Amino acid sequence: MKTIRPQLAQTGKKPFDHKDWLFELKLDGVRCIAYLDKGTRLQARSGQDITAQFPELWNLHCQVVKPCILDGEIACATFNQMQHRIHKTKALDIRVAAKLYPARFFAFDLLNVSGKSLMPLAQIARKEALRDVMTENPIGLVLPWREREGIALFREVQKHRQEGIMAKLQSAPYIEGKRADWWLKVKNFQEGTFYVCGFTEGEGERATAFGSLILGELRDGKLVYVGNVGSGFDQRQLVELTAYFGSLQGECPFEQADVGRAVKQWTKPVVRCEVRFLEWGKDGKLRFPTFRCLVSH
């Protein structure tokens, strides 16, 4: 089977209702094209073969009634768990991670059946055909959708603090590699990349680690304090990041900074991290920030 470049989405400004559109959850995982015939082959958005990284999905081809190509998302229970999966390369590490942080495949589009392309068909027709081609199985699920009502779905997403929603024009075809305006992603959170400039004292279970990372943003050549991020870390990350940032001791890089709590250590501002947050506060600080991952230069 040929390699398919996935269709991409534009950013939508706000949720909406419309009779010609359908709406589904925006998942927080790894985009994946699944080639299912006599075996399973999984391809990342970049085109990289990631089959070996997800052994729990190797039997995905057994739950389709015909050879087909699916577009979807591989997701764990949380984004942090997925972070422990995507960079593993050794077979033993992959098997252990699969047991600790199992992933599932959520299919949201059907691109090909028995060698025939469905990409010229309307989105809603491909969705309905997807239901017919996949059998029920815990490792691979058809992502539910609803028609017309995007605002109500977005309110549910806000209530449960989920990633956001996707809005898709029902009559639109699938165009490989195109960032299409008939696919819109409406996020519940914003995302940004900030410098780690230090960390605060930890309390309770975090007494030997840190309470939060102190963040800065480069503006007009100067680092400006934008707040702290103290959530989004699992226990393993707390241990690893405490040791890592502890080796980068530095001085306060800000002209003004009231971090609101005791600073355990300032660090050299050479490492950036990705943070998800609700909005910018009137004081210029991030509201409800959550750590996502470190960003490689």
C-alpha atoms as a PDB file:
ATOM      1  CA  MET A   1       0.000   0.000   0.000  1.00  0.00           C
ATOM      2  CA  LYS A   2       1.172   3.528  -0.794  1.00  0.00           C
ATOM      3  CA  THR A   3       2.196   6.006   1.897  1.00  0.00           C
ATOM      4  CA  ILE A   4      -0.532   8.559   2.552  1.00  0.00           C
ATOM      5  CA  ARG A   5       0.112  12.072   3.813  1.00  0.00           C
ATOM      6  CA  PRO A   6      -2.668  12.917   6.274  1.00  0.00           C
ATOM      7  CA  GLN A   7      -4.999  15.841   5.736  1.00  0.00           C
ATOM      8  CA  LEU A   8      -4.441  18.609   8.290  1.00  0.00           C
ATOM      9  CA  ALA A   9      -6.754  21.072  10.012  1.00  0.00           C
ATOM     10  CA  GLN A  10      -6.941  24.846  10.193  1.00  0.00           C
ATOM     11  CA  THR A  11      -7.430  26.584  13.545  1.00  0.00           C
ATOM     12  CA  GLY A  12     -10.988  27.664  14.297  1.00  0.00           C
ATOM     13  CA  LYS A  13     -11.601  30.712  16.478  1.00  0.00           C
ATOM     14  CA  LYS A  14     -14.648  29.482  18.403  1.00  0.00           C
ATOM     15  CA  PRO A  15     -17.171  26.623  18.494  1.00  0.00           C
ATOM     16  CA  PHE A  16     -20.322  26.863  16.401  1.00  0.00           C
ATOM     17  CA  ASP A  17     -23.507  25.048  15.403  1.00  0.00           C
ATOM     18  CA  HIS A  18     -24.277  24.309  11.742  1.00  0.00           C
ATOM     19  CA  LYS A  19     -26.463  21.803   9.952  1.00  0.00           C
ATOM     20  CA  ASP A  20     -23.764  21.069   7.333  1.00  0.00           C
ATOM     21  CA  TRP A  21     -20.989  20.235   9.817  1.00  0.00           C
ATOM     22  CA  LEU A  22     -20.184  17.386  12.205  1.00  0.00           C
ATOM     23  CA  PHE A  23     -18.211  17.582  15.428  1.00  0.00           C
ATOM     24  CA  GLU A  24     -15.969  15.219  17.402  1.00  0.00           C
ATOM     25  CA  LEU A  25     -13.431  15.316  20.237  1.00  0.00           C
ATOM     26  CA  LYS A  26      -9.916  16.512  19.514  1.00  0.00           C
ATOM     27  CA  LEU A  27      -7.731  13.826  21.039  1.00  0.00           C
ATOM     28  CA  ASP A  28      -4.400  14.397  22.753  1.00  0.00           C
ATOM     29  CA  GLY A  29      -2.196  11.729  21.195  1.00  0.00           C
ATOM     30  CA  VAL A  30      -0.251  10.789  18.071  1.00  0.00           C
ATOM     31  CA  ARG A  31      -1.798  11.129  14.605  1.00  0.00           C
ATOM     32  CA  CYS A  32      -1.649   7.816  12.776  1.00  0.00           C
ATOM     33  CA  ILE A  33      -2.492   6.318   9.391  1.00  0.00           C
ATOM     34  CA  ALA A  34      -3.247   2.609   9.894  1.00  0.00           C
ATOM     35  CA  TYR A  35      -2.737   0.236   6.947  1.00  0.00           C
ATOM     36  CA  LEU A  36      -4.714  -2.917   7.689  1.00  0.00           C
ATOM     37  CA  ASP A  37      -4.575  -6.014   5.488  1.00  0.00           C
ATOM     38  CA  LYS A  38      -2.990  -9.314   6.454  1.00  0.00           C
ATOM     39  CA  GLY A  39      -1.081  -7.368   9.079  1.00  0.00           C
ATOM     40  CA  THR A  40      -0.993  -3.936  10.705  1.00  0.00           C
ATOM     41  CA  ARG A  41       1.284  -1.051   9.710  1.00  0.00           C
ATOM     42  CA  LEU A  42       1.151   2.224  11.593  1.00  0.00           C
ATOM     43  CA  GLN A  43       2.469   5.459  10.118  1.00  0.00           C
ATOM     44  CA  ALA A  44       3.010   8.753  11.958  1.00  0.00           C
ATOM     45  CA  ARG A  45       2.101  12.131  10.479  1.00  0.00           C
ATOM     46  CA  SER A  46       5.769  12.551   9.468  1.00  0.00           C
ATOM     47  CA  GLY A  47       5.622   9.350   7.402  1.00  0.00           C
ATOM     48  CA  GLN A  48       7.708   7.393   9.928  1.00  0.00           C
ATOM     49  CA  ASP A  49       6.753   3.770  10.553  1.00  0.00           C
ATOM     50  CA  ILE A  50       5.787   3.541  14.246  1.00  0.00           C
ATOM     51  CA  THR A  51       4.360   0.015  14.240  1.00  0.00           C
ATOM     52  CA  ALA A  52       7.105  -1.370  16.490  1.00  0.00           C
ATOM     53  CA  GLN A  53       6.393   1.228  19.172  1.00  0.00           C
ATOM     54  CA  PHE A  54       2.830   0.003  19.792  1.00  0.00           C
ATOM     55  CA  PRO A  55       2.826  -3.811  20.090  1.00  0.00           C
ATOM     56  CA  GLU A  56      -0.631  -3.778  21.701  1.00  0.00           C
ATOM     57  CA  LEU A  57      -2.004  -2.562  18.340  1.00  0.00           C
ATOM     58  CA  TRP A  58      -0.379  -5.209  16.135  1.00  0.00           C
ATOM     59  CA  ASN A  59      -3.691  -7.082  15.811  1.00  0.00           C
ATOM     60  CA  LEU A  60      -5.661  -4.042  14.743  1.00  0.00           C
ATOM     61  CA  HIS A  61      -6.127  -5.605  11.275  1.00  0.00           C
ATOM     62  CA  CYS A  62      -8.144  -8.402  12.899  1.00  0.00           C
ATOM     63  CA  GLN A  63     -11.008  -6.062  13.732  1.00  0.00           C
ATOM     64  CA  VAL A  64     -11.749  -4.831  10.203  1.00  0.00           C
ATOM     65  CA  VAL A  65     -13.933  -6.836   7.827  1.00  0.00           C
ATOM     66  CA  LYS A  66     -11.998  -5.786   4.698  1.00  0.00           C
ATOM     67  CA  PRO A  67      -8.462  -4.575   3.934  1.00  0.00           C
ATOM     68  CA  CYS A  68      -8.497  -0.839   4.489  1.00  0.00           C
ATOM     69  CA  ILE A  69      -6.604   2.325   5.410  1.00  0.00           C
ATOM     70  CA  LEU A  70      -7.778   4.304   8.435  1.00  0.00           C
ATOM     71  CA  ASP A  71      -6.916   7.776   9.655  1.00  0.00           C
ATOM     72  CA  GLY A  72      -6.978   8.250  13.400  1.00  0.00           C
ATOM     73  CA  GLU A  73      -5.155   8.965  16.629  1.00  0.00           C
ATOM     74  CA  ILE A  74      -3.191   6.748  19.006  1.00  0.00           C
ATOM     75  CA  ALA A  75      -3.852   7.876  22.565  1.00  0.00           C
ATOM     76  CA  CYS A  76      -3.107   6.787  26.125  1.00  0.00           C
ATOM     77  CA  ALA A  77      -5.123   7.712  29.197  1.00  0.00           C
ATOM     78  CA  THR A  78      -3.121  10.960  29.526  1.00  0.00           C
ATOM     79  CA  PHE A  79      -0.682  12.961  27.434  1.00  0.00           C
ATOM     80  CA  ASN A  80       2.057  12.277  30.001  1.00  0.00           C
ATOM     81  CA  GLN A  81       1.629   8.551  29.451  1.00  0.00           C
ATOM     82  CA  MET A  82       1.962   9.044  25.709  1.00  0.00           C
ATOM     83  CA  GLN A  83       5.221  10.917  26.296  1.00  0.00           C
ATOM     84  CA  HIS A  84       6.599   7.735  27.853  1.00  0.00           C
ATOM     85  CA  ARG A  85       5.693   5.807  24.687  1.00  0.00           C
ATOM     86  CA  ILE A  86       6.726   7.813  21.641  1.00  0.00           C
ATOM     87  CA  HIS A  87      10.481   7.996  22.192  1.00  0.00           C
ATOM     88  CA  LYS A  88      11.154   4.376  23.133  1.00  0.00           C
ATOM     89  CA  THR A  89      13.335   2.444  20.642  1.00  0.00           C
ATOM     90  CA  LYS A  90      14.543  -0.681  22.486  1.00  0.00           C
ATOM     91  CA  ALA A  91      12.252  -3.702  22.295  1.00  0.00           C
ATOM     92  CA  LEU A  92      12.270  -4.375  26.054  1.00  0.00           C
ATOM     93  CA  ASP A  93      11.569  -0.721  26.907  1.00  0.00           C
ATOM     94  CA  ILE A  94       8.689  -0.701  24.434  1.00  0.00           C
ATOM     95  CA  ARG A  95       7.125  -3.863  25.894  1.00  0.00           C
ATOM     96  CA  VAL A  96       7.380  -2.529  29.449  1.00  0.00           C
ATOM     97  CA  ALA A  97       5.924   0.856  28.459  1.00  0.00           C
ATOM     98  CA  ALA A  98       3.055  -0.858  26.620  1.00  0.00           C
ATOM     99  CA  LYS A  99       2.128  -2.701  29.826  1.00  0.00           C
ATOM    100  CA  LEU A 100       2.399   0.386  32.014  1.00  0.00           C
ATOM    101  CA  TYR A 101       0.798   2.874  29.613  1.00  0.00           C
ATOM    102  CA  PRO A 102      -1.402   0.973  27.136  1.00  0.00           C
ATOM    103  CA  ALA A 103      -2.562   2.832  24.031  1.00  0.00           C
ATOM    104  CA  ARG A 104      -5.664   2.569  21.881  1.00  0.00           C
ATOM    105  CA  PHE A 105      -6.339   3.556  18.285  1.00  0.00           C
ATOM    106  CA  PHE A 106      -9.274   5.874  17.667  1.00  0.00           C
ATOM    107  CA  ALA A 107     -10.354   5.850  14.016  1.00  0.00           C
ATOM    108  CA  PHE A 108     -12.053   8.950  12.618  1.00  0.00           C
ATOM    109  CA  ASP A 109     -11.770   8.485   8.840  1.00  0.00           C
ATOM    110  CA  LEU A 110     -11.785   5.716   6.238  1.00  0.00           C
ATOM    111  CA  LEU A 111      -9.492   6.418   3.266  1.00  0.00           C
ATOM    112  CA  ASN A 112      -9.388   3.178   1.321  1.00  0.00           C
ATOM    113  CA  VAL A 113     -11.264  -0.141   1.223  1.00  0.00           C
ATOM    114  CA  SER A 114      -9.993  -3.206  -0.698  1.00  0.00           C
ATOM    115  CA  GLY A 115      -7.714  -1.002  -2.783  1.00  0.00           C
ATOM    116  CA  LYS A 116     -10.405   1.539  -3.713  1.00  0.00           C
ATOM    117  CA  SER A 117      -9.880   5.125  -2.550  1.00  0.00           C
ATOM    118  CA  LEU A 118     -12.743   6.693  -0.608  1.00  0.00           C
ATOM    119  CA  MET A 119     -11.013  10.062  -0.345  1.00  0.00           C
ATOM    120  CA  PRO A 120     -13.166  11.741  -3.066  1.00  0.00           C
ATOM    121  CA  LEU A 121     -16.328  10.857  -1.127  1.00  0.00           C
ATOM    122  CA  ALA A 122     -18.037  13.243   1.282  1.00  0.00           C
ATOM    123  CA  GLN A 123     -16.840  13.224   4.887  1.00  0.00           C
ATOM    124  CA  ILE A 124     -20.172  11.934   6.210  1.00  0.00           C
ATOM    125  CA  ALA A 125     -20.152   9.051   3.700  1.00  0.00           C
ATOM    126  CA  ARG A 126     -16.657   8.037   4.812  1.00  0.00           C
ATOM    127  CA  LYS A 127     -17.761   8.213   8.446  1.00  0.00           C
ATOM    128  CA  GLU A 128     -20.714   5.920   7.845  1.00  0.00           C
ATOM    129  CA  ALA A 129     -18.566   3.468   5.882  1.00  0.00           C
ATOM    130  CA  LEU A 130     -16.070   3.471   8.752  1.00  0.00           C
ATOM    131  CA  ARG A 131     -18.748   2.165  11.091  1.00  0.00           C
ATOM    132  CA  ASP A 132     -19.393  -0.711   8.697  1.00  0.00           C
ATOM    133  CA  VAL A 133     -15.769  -1.747   8.258  1.00  0.00           C
ATOM    134  CA  MET A 134     -14.670  -1.822  11.939  1.00  0.00           C
ATOM    135  CA  THR A 135     -15.843  -4.376  14.495  1.00  0.00           C
ATOM    136  CA  GLU A 136     -16.052  -3.551  18.191  1.00  0.00           C
ATOM    137  CA  ASN A 137     -12.760  -4.090  20.025  1.00  0.00           C
ATOM    138  CA  PRO A 138     -11.080  -2.355  22.981  1.00  0.00           C
ATOM    139  CA  ILE A 139      -7.828  -1.705  21.102  1.00  0.00           C
ATOM    140  CA  GLY A 140      -9.446   0.099  18.189  1.00  0.00           C
ATOM    141  CA  LEU A 141     -12.540   2.275  18.383  1.00  0.00           C
ATOM    142  CA  VAL A 142     -14.505   4.468  16.001  1.00  0.00           C
ATOM    143  CA  LEU A 143     -14.391   8.002  17.407  1.00  0.00           C
ATOM    144  CA  PRO A 144     -17.984   9.148  18.011  1.00  0.00           C
ATOM    145  CA  TRP A 145     -19.282  12.286  16.327  1.00  0.00           C
ATOM    146  CA  ARG A 146     -22.389  14.407  16.404  1.00  0.00           C
ATOM    147  CA  GLU A 147     -24.000  16.503  13.709  1.00  0.00           C
ATOM    148  CA  ARG A 148     -24.977  20.193  13.927  1.00  0.00           C
ATOM    149  CA  GLU A 149     -24.201  20.769  17.622  1.00  0.00           C
ATOM    150  CA  GLY A 150     -20.634  21.963  18.101  1.00  0.00           C
ATOM    151  CA  ILE A 151     -21.284  24.409  20.942  1.00  0.00           C
ATOM    152  CA  ALA A 152     -22.822  21.793  23.237  1.00  0.00           C
ATOM    153  CA  LEU A 153     -19.907  19.425  22.621  1.00  0.00           C
ATOM    154  CA  PHE A 154     -17.416  22.195  23.343  1.00  0.00           C
ATOM    155  CA  ARG A 155     -19.160  22.945  26.640  1.00  0.00           C
ATOM    156  CA  GLU A 156     -18.732  19.304  27.614  1.00  0.00           C
ATOM    157  CA  VAL A 157     -15.051  19.545  26.689  1.00  0.00           C
ATOM    158  CA  GLN A 158     -14.668  22.635  28.882  1.00  0.00           C
ATOM    159  CA  LYS A 159     -16.401  20.912  31.789  1.00  0.00           C
ATOM    160  CA  HIS A 160     -14.006  17.965  31.668  1.00  0.00           C
ATOM    161  CA  ARG A 161     -10.964  20.107  30.746  1.00  0.00           C
ATOM    162  CA  GLN A 162     -10.336  18.129  27.566  1.00  0.00           C
ATOM    163  CA  GLU A 163      -8.225  19.186  24.595  1.00  0.00           C
ATOM    164  CA  GLY A 164     -10.900  20.648  22.291  1.00  0.00           C
ATOM    165  CA  ILE A 165     -13.123  19.675  19.363  1.00  0.00           C
ATOM    166  CA  MET A 166     -12.803  19.106  15.627  1.00  0.00           C
ATOM    167  CA  ALA A 167     -15.373  20.567  13.223  1.00  0.00           C
ATOM    168  CA  LYS A 168     -15.661  18.901   9.801  1.00  0.00           C
ATOM    169  CA  LEU A 169     -17.756  19.867   6.795  1.00  0.00           C
ATOM    170  CA  GLN A 170     -19.955  16.867   6.012  1.00  0.00           C
ATOM    171  CA  SER A 171     -19.795  17.249   2.216  1.00  0.00           C
ATOM    172  CA  ALA A 172     -16.002  17.704   1.919  1.00  0.00           C
ATOM    173  CA  PRO A 173     -13.550  15.206   0.389  1.00  0.00           C
ATOM    174  CA  TYR A 174     -10.212  14.158   1.906  1.00  0.00           C
ATOM    175  CA  ILE A 175      -7.188  15.867   0.346  1.00  0.00           C
ATOM    176  CA  GLU A 176      -3.787  14.365   1.148  1.00  0.00           C
ATOM    177  CA  GLY A 177      -1.273  16.654   2.828  1.00  0.00           C
ATOM    178  CA  LYS A 178      -3.563  19.707   2.640  1.00  0.00           C
ATOM    179  CA  ARG A 179      -4.366  21.962   5.587  1.00  0.00           C
ATOM    180  CA  ALA A 180      -8.036  22.226   4.760  1.00  0.00           C
ATOM    181  CA  ASP A 181     -10.492  24.882   5.885  1.00  0.00           C
ATOM    182  CA  TRP A 182     -13.222  22.217   5.997  1.00  0.00           C
ATOM    183  CA  TRP A 183     -11.429  20.654   8.983  1.00  0.00           C
ATOM    184  CA  LEU A 184     -11.213  23.059  11.933  1.00  0.00           C
ATOM    185  CA  LYS A 185      -9.635  22.465  15.329  1.00  0.00           C
ATOM    186  CA  VAL A 186     -11.146  24.507  18.159  1.00  0.00           C
ATOM    187  CA  LYS A 187      -8.956  24.221  21.236  1.00  0.00           C
ATOM    188  CA  ASN A 188     -10.101  24.504  24.800  1.00  0.00           C
ATOM    189  CA  PHE A 189      -6.574  25.527  25.786  1.00  0.00           C
ATOM    190  CA  GLN A 190      -3.782  27.605  24.352  1.00  0.00           C
ATOM    191  CA  GLU A 191      -0.231  26.304  24.056  1.00  0.00           C
ATOM    192  CA  GLY A 192       3.092  28.067  24.322  1.00  0.00           C
ATOM    193  CA  THR A 193       6.808  27.430  24.650  1.00  0.00           C
ATOM    194  CA  PHE A 194       8.673  29.081  27.529  1.00  0.00           C
ATOM    195  CA  TYR A 195      12.147  29.086  29.083  1.00  0.00           C
ATOM    196  CA  VAL A 196      12.646  27.268  32.367  1.00  0.00           C
ATOM    197  CA  CYS A 197      14.366  29.813  34.621  1.00  0.00           C
ATOM    198  CA  GLY A 198      14.257  28.049  37.967  1.00  0.00           C
ATOM    199  CA  PHE A 199      12.078  26.038  40.314  1.00  0.00           C
ATOM    200  CA  THR A 200      10.360  26.543  43.649  1.00  0.00           C
ATOM    201  CA  GLU A 201      10.506  24.579  46.892  1.00  0.00           C
ATOM    202  CA  GLY A 202       8.382  21.454  46.989  1.00  0.00           C
ATOM    203  CA  GLU A 203       6.115  20.465  49.853  1.00  0.00           C
ATOM    204  CA  GLY A 204       4.691  17.179  51.133  1.00  0.00           C
ATOM    205  CA  GLU A 205       5.253  14.406  48.593  1.00  0.00           C
ATOM    206  CA  ARG A 206       7.311  16.835  46.530  1.00  0.00           C
ATOM    207  CA  ALA A 207       9.632  17.888  49.348  1.00  0.00           C
ATOM    208  CA  THR A 208      12.620  16.243  47.650  1.00  0.00           C
ATOM    209  CA  ALA A 209      11.678  17.487  44.193  1.00  0.00           C
ATOM    210  CA  PHE A 210      10.185  20.874  43.264  1.00  0.00           C
ATOM    211  CA  GLY A 211       6.873  22.628  43.591  1.00  0.00           C
ATOM    212  CA  SER A 212       6.779  24.313  40.210  1.00  0.00           C
ATOM    213  CA  LEU A 213       8.962  25.441  37.334  1.00  0.00           C
ATOM    214  CA  ILE A 214       9.506  29.185  36.946  1.00  0.00           C
ATOM    215  CA  LEU A 215       8.811  30.293  33.378  1.00  0.00           C
ATOM    216  CA  GLY A 216      10.052  33.148  31.250  1.00  0.00           C
ATOM    217  CA  GLU A 217       9.284  34.448  27.767  1.00  0.00           C
ATOM    218  CA  LEU A 218      11.751  36.304  25.567  1.00  0.00           C
ATOM    219  CA  ARG A 219      10.409  39.764  24.684  1.00  0.00           C
ATOM    220  CA  ASP A 220      12.493  42.458  22.984  1.00  0.00           C
ATOM    221  CA  GLY A 221      15.647  40.589  23.870  1.00  0.00           C
ATOM    222  CA  LYS A 222      14.798  40.261  27.583  1.00  0.00           C
ATOM    223  CA  LEU A 223      13.297  37.437  29.592  1.00  0.00           C
ATOM    224  CA  VAL A 224      10.000  38.365  31.239  1.00  0.00           C
ATOM    225  CA  TYR A 225       8.485  36.327  34.069  1.00  0.00           C
ATOM    226  CA  VAL A 226       5.159  34.775  32.966  1.00  0.00           C
ATOM    227  CA  GLY A 227       4.305  32.515  35.900  1.00  0.00           C
ATOM    228  CA  ASN A 228       4.931  29.029  37.271  1.00  0.00           C
ATOM    229  CA  VAL A 229       3.768  25.606  36.161  1.00  0.00           C
ATOM    230  CA  GLY A 230       3.259  23.020  38.887  1.00  0.00           C
ATOM    231  CA  SER A 231       0.889  20.484  37.332  1.00  0.00           C
ATOM    232  CA  GLY A 232       1.227  17.932  34.572  1.00  0.00           C
ATOM    233  CA  PHE A 233       4.177  16.020  36.029  1.00  0.00           C
ATOM    234  CA  ASP A 234       4.151  12.361  36.987  1.00  0.00           C
ATOM    235  CA  GLN A 235       6.451  10.968  39.672  1.00  0.00           C
ATOM    236  CA  ARG A 236       9.086   9.826  37.215  1.00  0.00           C
ATOM    237  CA  GLN A 237       9.265  13.232  35.573  1.00  0.00           C
ATOM    238  CA  LEU A 238       9.586  14.947  38.954  1.00  0.00           C
ATOM    239  CA  VAL A 239      12.658  12.848  39.760  1.00  0.00           C
ATOM    240  CA  GLU A 240      14.248  13.238  36.325  1.00  0.00           C
ATOM    241  CA  LEU A 241      13.580  16.970  35.982  1.00  0.00           C
ATOM    242  CA  THR A 242      14.785  17.731  39.511  1.00  0.00           C
ATOM    243  CA  ALA A 243      18.136  16.134  38.713  1.00  0.00           C
ATOM    244  CA  TYR A 244      18.326  17.708  35.260  1.00  0.00           C
ATOM    245  CA  PHE A 245      17.536  21.289  36.237  1.00  0.00           C
ATOM    246  CA  GLY A 246      19.585  20.946  39.401  1.00  0.00           C
ATOM    247  CA  SER A 247      22.656  20.706  37.176  1.00  0.00           C
ATOM    248  CA  LEU A 248      21.851  24.004  35.443  1.00  0.00           C
ATOM    249  CA  GLN A 249      22.303  26.356  38.400  1.00  0.00           C
ATOM    250  CA  GLY A 250      22.228  30.018  37.461  1.00  0.00           C
ATOM    251  CA  GLU A 251      21.026  33.444  38.577  1.00  0.00           C
ATOM    252  CA  CYS A 252      17.665  35.193  38.347  1.00  0.00           C
ATOM    253  CA  PRO A 253      17.322  36.307  34.700  1.00  0.00           C
ATOM    254  CA  PHE A 254      14.438  38.722  35.304  1.00  0.00           C
ATOM    255  CA  GLU A 255      14.579  42.431  36.062  1.00  0.00           C
ATOM    256  CA  GLN A 256      11.388  41.966  38.085  1.00  0.00           C
ATOM    257  CA  ALA A 257       9.934  38.720  39.350  1.00  0.00           C
ATOM    258  CA  ASP A 258       7.655  37.976  42.284  1.00  0.00           C
ATOM    259  CA  VAL A 259       7.182  34.237  41.911  1.00  0.00           C
ATOM    260  CA  GLY A 260       4.849  34.069  44.915  1.00  0.00           C
ATOM    261  CA  ARG A 261       6.707  31.275  46.695  1.00  0.00           C
ATOM    262  CA  ALA A 262      10.187  30.290  47.868  1.00  0.00           C
ATOM    263  CA  VAL A 263      12.688  29.802  45.055  1.00  0.00           C
ATOM    264  CA  LYS A 264      14.695  26.628  45.500  1.00  0.00           C
ATOM    265  CA  GLN A 265      17.071  27.356  42.641  1.00  0.00           C
ATOM    266  CA  TRP A 266      17.451  29.619  39.624  1.00  0.00           C
ATOM    267  CA  THR A 267      18.635  27.884  36.461  1.00  0.00           C
ATOM    268  CA  LYS A 268      20.365  28.984  33.312  1.00  0.00           C
ATOM    269  CA  PRO A 269      17.583  29.812  30.802  1.00  0.00           C
ATOM    270  CA  VAL A 270      18.767  27.374  28.137  1.00  0.00           C
ATOM    271  CA  VAL A 271      15.913  24.840  28.180  1.00  0.00           C
ATOM    272  CA  ARG A 272      12.361  25.437  26.975  1.00  0.00           C
ATOM    273  CA  CYS A 273       9.196  23.555  27.771  1.00  0.00           C
ATOM    274  CA  GLU A 274       5.771  23.370  26.168  1.00  0.00           C
ATOM    275  CA  VAL A 275       2.908  24.448  28.382  1.00  0.00           C
ATOM    276  CA  ARG A 276      -0.844  24.246  27.902  1.00  0.00           C
ATOM    277  CA  PHE A 277      -2.873  27.011  29.562  1.00  0.00           C
ATOM    278  CA  LEU A 278      -6.365  28.448  29.619  1.00  0.00           C
ATOM    279  CA  GLU A 279      -5.548  32.099  28.898  1.00  0.00           C
ATOM    280  CA  TRP A 280      -3.309  35.053  29.749  1.00  0.00           C
ATOM    281  CA  GLY A 281      -4.307  36.795  32.994  1.00  0.00           C
ATOM    282  CA  LYS A 282      -4.588  40.559  33.338  1.00  0.00           C
ATOM    283  CA  ASP A 283      -1.353  40.463  35.341  1.00  0.00           C
ATOM    284  CA  GLY A 284       0.491  39.001  32.343  1.00  0.00           C
ATOM    285  CA  LYS A 285       0.750  35.535  33.858  1.00  0.00           C
ATOM    286  CA  LEU A 286      -0.441  32.197  32.513  1.00  0.00           C
ATOM    287  CA  ARG A 287      -3.752  30.979  33.942  1.00  0.00           C
ATOM    288  CA  PHE A 288      -4.137  27.253  34.754  1.00  0.00           C
ATOM    289  CA  PRO A 289      -0.878  26.149  33.104  1.00  0.00           C
ATOM    290  CA  THR A 290      -0.051  22.452  32.664  1.00  0.00           C
ATOM    291  CA  PHE A 291       3.368  21.076  31.757  1.00  0.00           C
ATOM    292  CA  ARG A 292       3.462  19.142  28.493  1.00  0.00           C
ATOM    293  CA  CYS A 293       7.060  18.313  27.632  1.00  0.00           C
ATOM    294  CA  LEU A 294      10.548  19.685  27.176  1.00  0.00           C
ATOM    295  CA  VAL A 295      11.288  21.153  23.766  1.00  0.00           C
ATOM    296  CA  SER A 296      14.460  20.158  21.950  1.00  0.00           C
ATOM    297  CA  HIS A 297      16.408  22.936  20.256  1.00  0.00           C
END
